[in-house]
Amino acid sequence: MEIEYLKQLNNCPSVIRPSGYEAKLKPISMDEIISLEKTYNNGNPFPKALRELLYLAGKRCYVLAYYSDSQAEMQEMAREDLADYELSIPRPFYVVDVYNAHDQFLFIYLDEGKDNPTLYEAVFEGDPRGWVHSLDCSLAGFIGSQLSSYLRGENPF
């Protein structure tokens, strides 16, 4: 796969922290990506930036928490959490990251028609902006910002 949006992440497949810990990206296969597209996007290809993220780091990404063992598990877990809070997202969406003990997640809408869609946050409790709001950045912009922070030695979380 040609990487267009996540070149910085592609150029950093591993990072050695000051502690000596080596953080590595771990991809998922194209077959798994296609299976996820069938399940969560009616068989249509995901936006290019999402495909790149999954291809480079769908199993493990040192700037995202994921909070599960697989992308499919993370999708189902987030949807179950929505149901537990009696909330729903009526448009097709894909969860990019789950964090804060399952009461927040980052996602993109799959029907925006963009290769690098806007990133949104769902916060189930207590956010004065409403429970869903835009982060005013693209998926690739967010990953790039998180990666820059991580490379400076900051905690991206």
C-alpha atoms as a PDB file:
ATOM      1  CA  MET A   1       0.000   0.000   0.000  1.00  0.00           C
ATOM      2  CA  GLU A   2       1.304   3.442  -0.894  1.00  0.00           C
ATOM      3  CA  ILE A   3       1.298   5.656   2.196  1.00  0.00           C
ATOM      4  CA  GLU A   4       0.028   9.154   1.423  1.00  0.00           C
ATOM      5  CA  TYR A   5      -1.325  10.602   4.689  1.00  0.00           C
ATOM      6  CA  LEU A   6       0.613   8.871   7.464  1.00  0.00           C
ATOM      7  CA  LYS A   7       4.151   9.169   6.095  1.00  0.00           C
ATOM      8  CA  GLN A   8       5.556  10.340   9.439  1.00  0.00           C
ATOM      9  CA  LEU A   9       4.123   7.268  11.191  1.00  0.00           C
ATOM     10  CA  ASN A  10       5.383   5.049   8.363  1.00  0.00           C
ATOM     11  CA  ASN A  11       8.878   6.460   8.893  1.00  0.00           C
ATOM     12  CA  CYS A  12       8.789   5.583  12.627  1.00  0.00           C
ATOM     13  CA  PRO A  13       7.905   1.883  12.858  1.00  0.00           C
ATOM     14  CA  SER A  14       9.607   1.802  16.248  1.00  0.00           C
ATOM     15  CA  VAL A  15      10.765   4.349  18.804  1.00  0.00           C
ATOM     16  CA  ILE A  16      13.203   3.776  21.635  1.00  0.00           C
ATOM     17  CA  ARG A  17      12.139   5.655  24.748  1.00  0.00           C
ATOM     18  CA  PRO A  18      14.677   7.187  27.188  1.00  0.00           C
ATOM     19  CA  SER A  19      13.963   4.258  29.513  1.00  0.00           C
ATOM     20  CA  GLY A  20      15.243   1.896  26.822  1.00  0.00           C
ATOM     21  CA  TYR A  21      11.750   0.554  26.007  1.00  0.00           C
ATOM     22  CA  GLU A  22      11.224   0.054  22.284  1.00  0.00           C
ATOM     23  CA  ALA A  23       7.683   0.916  21.194  1.00  0.00           C
ATOM     24  CA  LYS A  24       6.739  -0.737  17.915  1.00  0.00           C
ATOM     25  CA  LEU A  25       3.850  -0.402  15.505  1.00  0.00           C
ATOM     26  CA  LYS A  26       2.084  -3.636  14.709  1.00  0.00           C
ATOM     27  CA  PRO A  27      -0.059  -3.832  11.556  1.00  0.00           C
ATOM     28  CA  ILE A  28      -3.052  -5.898  10.583  1.00  0.00           C
ATOM     29  CA  SER A  29      -3.341  -7.693   7.265  1.00  0.00           C
ATOM     30  CA  MET A  30      -5.136  -6.384   4.188  1.00  0.00           C
ATOM     31  CA  ASP A  31      -7.500  -9.355   4.529  1.00  0.00           C
ATOM     32  CA  GLU A  32      -8.452  -8.151   8.019  1.00  0.00           C
ATOM     33  CA  ILE A  33      -8.891  -4.578   6.764  1.00  0.00           C
ATOM     34  CA  ILE A  34     -11.189  -5.820   3.992  1.00  0.00           C
ATOM     35  CA  SER A  35     -13.158  -7.868   6.517  1.00  0.00           C
ATOM     36  CA  LEU A  36     -13.588  -4.762   8.709  1.00  0.00           C
ATOM     37  CA  GLU A  37     -14.745  -2.800   5.654  1.00  0.00           C
ATOM     38  CA  LYS A  38     -17.357  -5.469   4.920  1.00  0.00           C
ATOM     39  CA  THR A  39     -18.650  -5.338   8.491  1.00  0.00           C
ATOM     40  CA  TYR A  40     -18.518  -1.604   9.222  1.00  0.00           C
ATOM     41  CA  ASN A  41     -18.693   0.069   5.804  1.00  0.00           C
ATOM     42  CA  ASN A  42     -20.972  -2.187   3.745  1.00  0.00           C
ATOM     43  CA  GLY A  43     -17.981  -3.554   1.837  1.00  0.00           C
ATOM     44  CA  ASN A  44     -16.868  -0.114   0.687  1.00  0.00           C
ATOM     45  CA  PRO A  45     -13.218   0.856   1.166  1.00  0.00           C
ATOM     46  CA  PHE A  46     -12.429   2.891   4.262  1.00  0.00           C
ATOM     47  CA  PRO A  47     -11.059   6.397   3.838  1.00  0.00           C
ATOM     48  CA  LYS A  48      -7.403   6.197   2.779  1.00  0.00           C
ATOM     49  CA  ALA A  49      -6.021   7.645   6.046  1.00  0.00           C
ATOM     50  CA  LEU A  50      -7.877   4.973   8.062  1.00  0.00           C
ATOM     51  CA  ARG A  51      -6.682   2.196   5.750  1.00  0.00           C
ATOM     52  CA  GLU A  52      -3.125   3.468   6.186  1.00  0.00           C
ATOM     53  CA  LEU A  53      -3.468   3.543   9.980  1.00  0.00           C
ATOM     54  CA  LEU A  54      -4.754  -0.023  10.069  1.00  0.00           C
ATOM     55  CA  TYR A  55      -2.121  -1.194   7.582  1.00  0.00           C
ATOM     56  CA  LEU A  56       0.702   0.384   9.616  1.00  0.00           C
ATOM     57  CA  ALA A  57      -0.573  -0.006  13.150  1.00  0.00           C
ATOM     58  CA  GLY A  58      -3.963  -1.718  13.344  1.00  0.00           C
ATOM     59  CA  LYS A  59      -2.847  -4.143  16.038  1.00  0.00           C
ATOM     60  CA  ARG A  60      -0.668  -1.783  18.066  1.00  0.00           C
ATOM     61  CA  CYS A  61       0.018   1.927  17.755  1.00  0.00           C
ATOM     62  CA  TYR A  62       2.161   3.627  20.365  1.00  0.00           C
ATOM     63  CA  VAL A  63       0.199   6.887  20.052  1.00  0.00           C
ATOM     64  CA  LEU A  64      -3.254   5.280  20.475  1.00  0.00           C
ATOM     65  CA  ALA A  65      -4.573   3.194  23.369  1.00  0.00           C
ATOM     66  CA  TYR A  66      -7.006   0.916  21.418  1.00  0.00           C
ATOM     67  CA  TYR A  67      -8.037  -0.680  24.753  1.00  0.00           C
ATOM     68  CA  SER A  68      -8.686  -4.090  23.138  1.00  0.00           C
ATOM     69  CA  ASP A  69      -6.947  -7.000  21.441  1.00  0.00           C
ATOM     70  CA  SER A  70      -8.360  -6.439  17.960  1.00  0.00           C
ATOM     71  CA  GLN A  71      -9.982  -3.790  15.817  1.00  0.00           C
ATOM     72  CA  ALA A  72     -13.210  -5.818  15.581  1.00  0.00           C
ATOM     73  CA  GLU A  73     -13.319  -6.189  19.364  1.00  0.00           C
ATOM     74  CA  MET A  74     -12.767  -2.438  19.805  1.00  0.00           C
ATOM     75  CA  GLN A  75     -15.630  -1.663  17.385  1.00  0.00           C
ATOM     76  CA  GLU A  76     -18.030  -3.974  19.195  1.00  0.00           C
ATOM     77  CA  MET A  77     -16.940  -2.797  22.639  1.00  0.00           C
ATOM     78  CA  ALA A  78     -17.550   0.856  21.730  1.00  0.00           C
ATOM     79  CA  ARG A  79     -20.976   0.050  20.300  1.00  0.00           C
ATOM     80  CA  GLU A  80     -21.886  -1.912  23.442  1.00  0.00           C
ATOM     81  CA  ASP A  81     -20.756   1.039  25.570  1.00  0.00           C
ATOM     82  CA  LEU A  82     -22.996   3.343  23.523  1.00  0.00           C
ATOM     83  CA  ALA A  83     -25.933   1.008  24.134  1.00  0.00           C
ATOM     84  CA  ASP A  84     -25.137   0.871  27.863  1.00  0.00           C
ATOM     85  CA  TYR A  85     -25.430   4.674  27.975  1.00  0.00           C
ATOM     86  CA  GLU A  86     -28.554   4.530  25.779  1.00  0.00           C
ATOM     87  CA  LEU A  87     -26.792   6.550  23.080  1.00  0.00           C
ATOM     88  CA  SER A  88     -26.401   5.959  19.367  1.00  0.00           C
ATOM     89  CA  ILE A  89     -24.583   7.390  16.389  1.00  0.00           C
ATOM     90  CA  PRO A  90     -27.006   7.252  13.452  1.00  0.00           C
ATOM     91  CA  ARG A  91     -24.361   7.582  10.729  1.00  0.00           C
ATOM     92  CA  PRO A  92     -21.812   4.918   9.732  1.00  0.00           C
ATOM     93  CA  PHE A  93     -18.692   5.372  11.844  1.00  0.00           C
ATOM     94  CA  TYR A  94     -15.431   3.699  12.759  1.00  0.00           C
ATOM     95  CA  VAL A  95     -13.855   3.870  16.199  1.00  0.00           C
ATOM     96  CA  VAL A  96     -10.184   4.840  16.033  1.00  0.00           C
ATOM     97  CA  ASP A  97      -9.377   4.715  19.762  1.00  0.00           C
ATOM     98  CA  VAL A  98     -11.102   3.887  23.052  1.00  0.00           C
ATOM     99  CA  TYR A  99      -9.801   5.348  26.285  1.00  0.00           C
ATOM    100  CA  ASN A 100     -10.588   6.563  29.779  1.00  0.00           C
ATOM    101  CA  ALA A 101     -12.075   3.301  31.058  1.00  0.00           C
ATOM    102  CA  HIS A 102     -14.421   2.932  28.069  1.00  0.00           C
ATOM    103  CA  ASP A 103     -16.336   6.174  28.553  1.00  0.00           C
ATOM    104  CA  GLN A 104     -14.718   8.028  25.650  1.00  0.00           C
ATOM    105  CA  PHE A 105     -13.675   7.177  22.135  1.00  0.00           C
ATOM    106  CA  LEU A 106     -12.382   8.812  18.987  1.00  0.00           C
ATOM    107  CA  PHE A 107     -14.053   8.045  15.674  1.00  0.00           C
ATOM    108  CA  ILE A 108     -14.556   9.094  12.102  1.00  0.00           C
ATOM    109  CA  TYR A 109     -17.741   9.165  10.075  1.00  0.00           C
ATOM    110  CA  LEU A 110     -17.451   6.837   7.105  1.00  0.00           C
ATOM    111  CA  ASP A 111     -19.927   8.787   4.967  1.00  0.00           C
ATOM    112  CA  GLU A 112     -18.003  12.083   4.708  1.00  0.00           C
ATOM    113  CA  GLY A 113     -16.485  11.115   1.371  1.00  0.00           C
ATOM    114  CA  LYS A 114     -13.008  12.268   2.406  1.00  0.00           C
ATOM    115  CA  ASP A 115      -9.765  10.317   2.249  1.00  0.00           C
ATOM    116  CA  ASN A 116      -8.601  12.062   5.429  1.00  0.00           C
ATOM    117  CA  PRO A 117     -11.789  12.609   7.440  1.00  0.00           C
ATOM    118  CA  THR A 118     -12.381  14.805  10.455  1.00  0.00           C
ATOM    119  CA  LEU A 119     -11.856  13.152  13.828  1.00  0.00           C
ATOM    120  CA  TYR A 120     -14.656  13.225  16.409  1.00  0.00           C
ATOM    121  CA  GLU A 121     -14.786  12.427  20.098  1.00  0.00           C
ATOM    122  CA  ALA A 122     -17.626  10.744  21.943  1.00  0.00           C
ATOM    123  CA  VAL A 123     -17.688  11.462  25.688  1.00  0.00           C
ATOM    124  CA  PHE A 124     -20.475   9.662  27.474  1.00  0.00           C
ATOM    125  CA  GLU A 125     -20.587  11.772  30.619  1.00  0.00           C
ATOM    126  CA  GLY A 126     -19.988  15.334  31.669  1.00  0.00           C
ATOM    127  CA  ASP A 127     -18.654  17.079  28.565  1.00  0.00           C
ATOM    128  CA  PRO A 128     -20.243  20.548  28.296  1.00  0.00           C
ATOM    129  CA  ARG A 129     -19.722  20.555  24.506  1.00  0.00           C
ATOM    130  CA  GLY A 130     -22.145  17.665  24.139  1.00  0.00           C
ATOM    131  CA  TRP A 131     -21.391  14.004  24.000  1.00  0.00           C
ATOM    132  CA  VAL A 132     -20.170  14.065  20.362  1.00  0.00           C
ATOM    133  CA  HIS A 133     -17.965  16.847  19.069  1.00  0.00           C
ATOM    134  CA  SER A 134     -15.387  17.468  16.368  1.00  0.00           C
ATOM    135  CA  LEU A 135     -11.732  17.688  17.371  1.00  0.00           C
ATOM    136  CA  ASP A 136     -11.304  20.156  14.485  1.00  0.00           C
ATOM    137  CA  CYS A 137      -8.540  18.102  12.909  1.00  0.00           C
ATOM    138  CA  SER A 138      -8.232  15.295  10.426  1.00  0.00           C
ATOM    139  CA  LEU A 139      -7.379  11.725  11.347  1.00  0.00           C
ATOM    140  CA  ALA A 140      -3.882  12.090   9.857  1.00  0.00           C
ATOM    141  CA  GLY A 141      -3.413  15.476  11.538  1.00  0.00           C
ATOM    142  CA  PHE A 142      -4.260  13.971  14.914  1.00  0.00           C
ATOM    143  CA  ILE A 143      -1.931  11.001  14.433  1.00  0.00           C
ATOM    144  CA  GLY A 144       0.843  13.362  13.329  1.00  0.00           C
ATOM    145  CA  SER A 145       0.341  15.586  16.364  1.00  0.00           C
ATOM    146  CA  GLN A 146       0.322  12.611  18.732  1.00  0.00           C
ATOM    147  CA  LEU A 147       3.450  11.225  17.089  1.00  0.00           C
ATOM    148  CA  SER A 148       5.280  14.557  17.383  1.00  0.00           C
ATOM    149  CA  SER A 149       4.441  14.676  21.093  1.00  0.00           C
ATOM    150  CA  TYR A 150       5.621  11.095  21.561  1.00  0.00           C
ATOM    151  CA  LEU A 151       8.901  11.746  19.746  1.00  0.00           C
ATOM    152  CA  ARG A 152       9.518  14.730  22.063  1.00  0.00           C
ATOM    153  CA  GLY A 153       9.252  12.301  24.966  1.00  0.00           C
ATOM    154  CA  GLU A 154       5.758  13.406  25.990  1.00  0.00           C
ATOM    155  CA  ASN A 155       2.933  11.055  26.844  1.00  0.00           C
ATOM    156  CA  PRO A 156       0.475  11.144  23.918  1.00  0.00           C
ATOM    157  CA  PHE A 157      -2.359  10.187  26.246  1.00  0.00           C
END
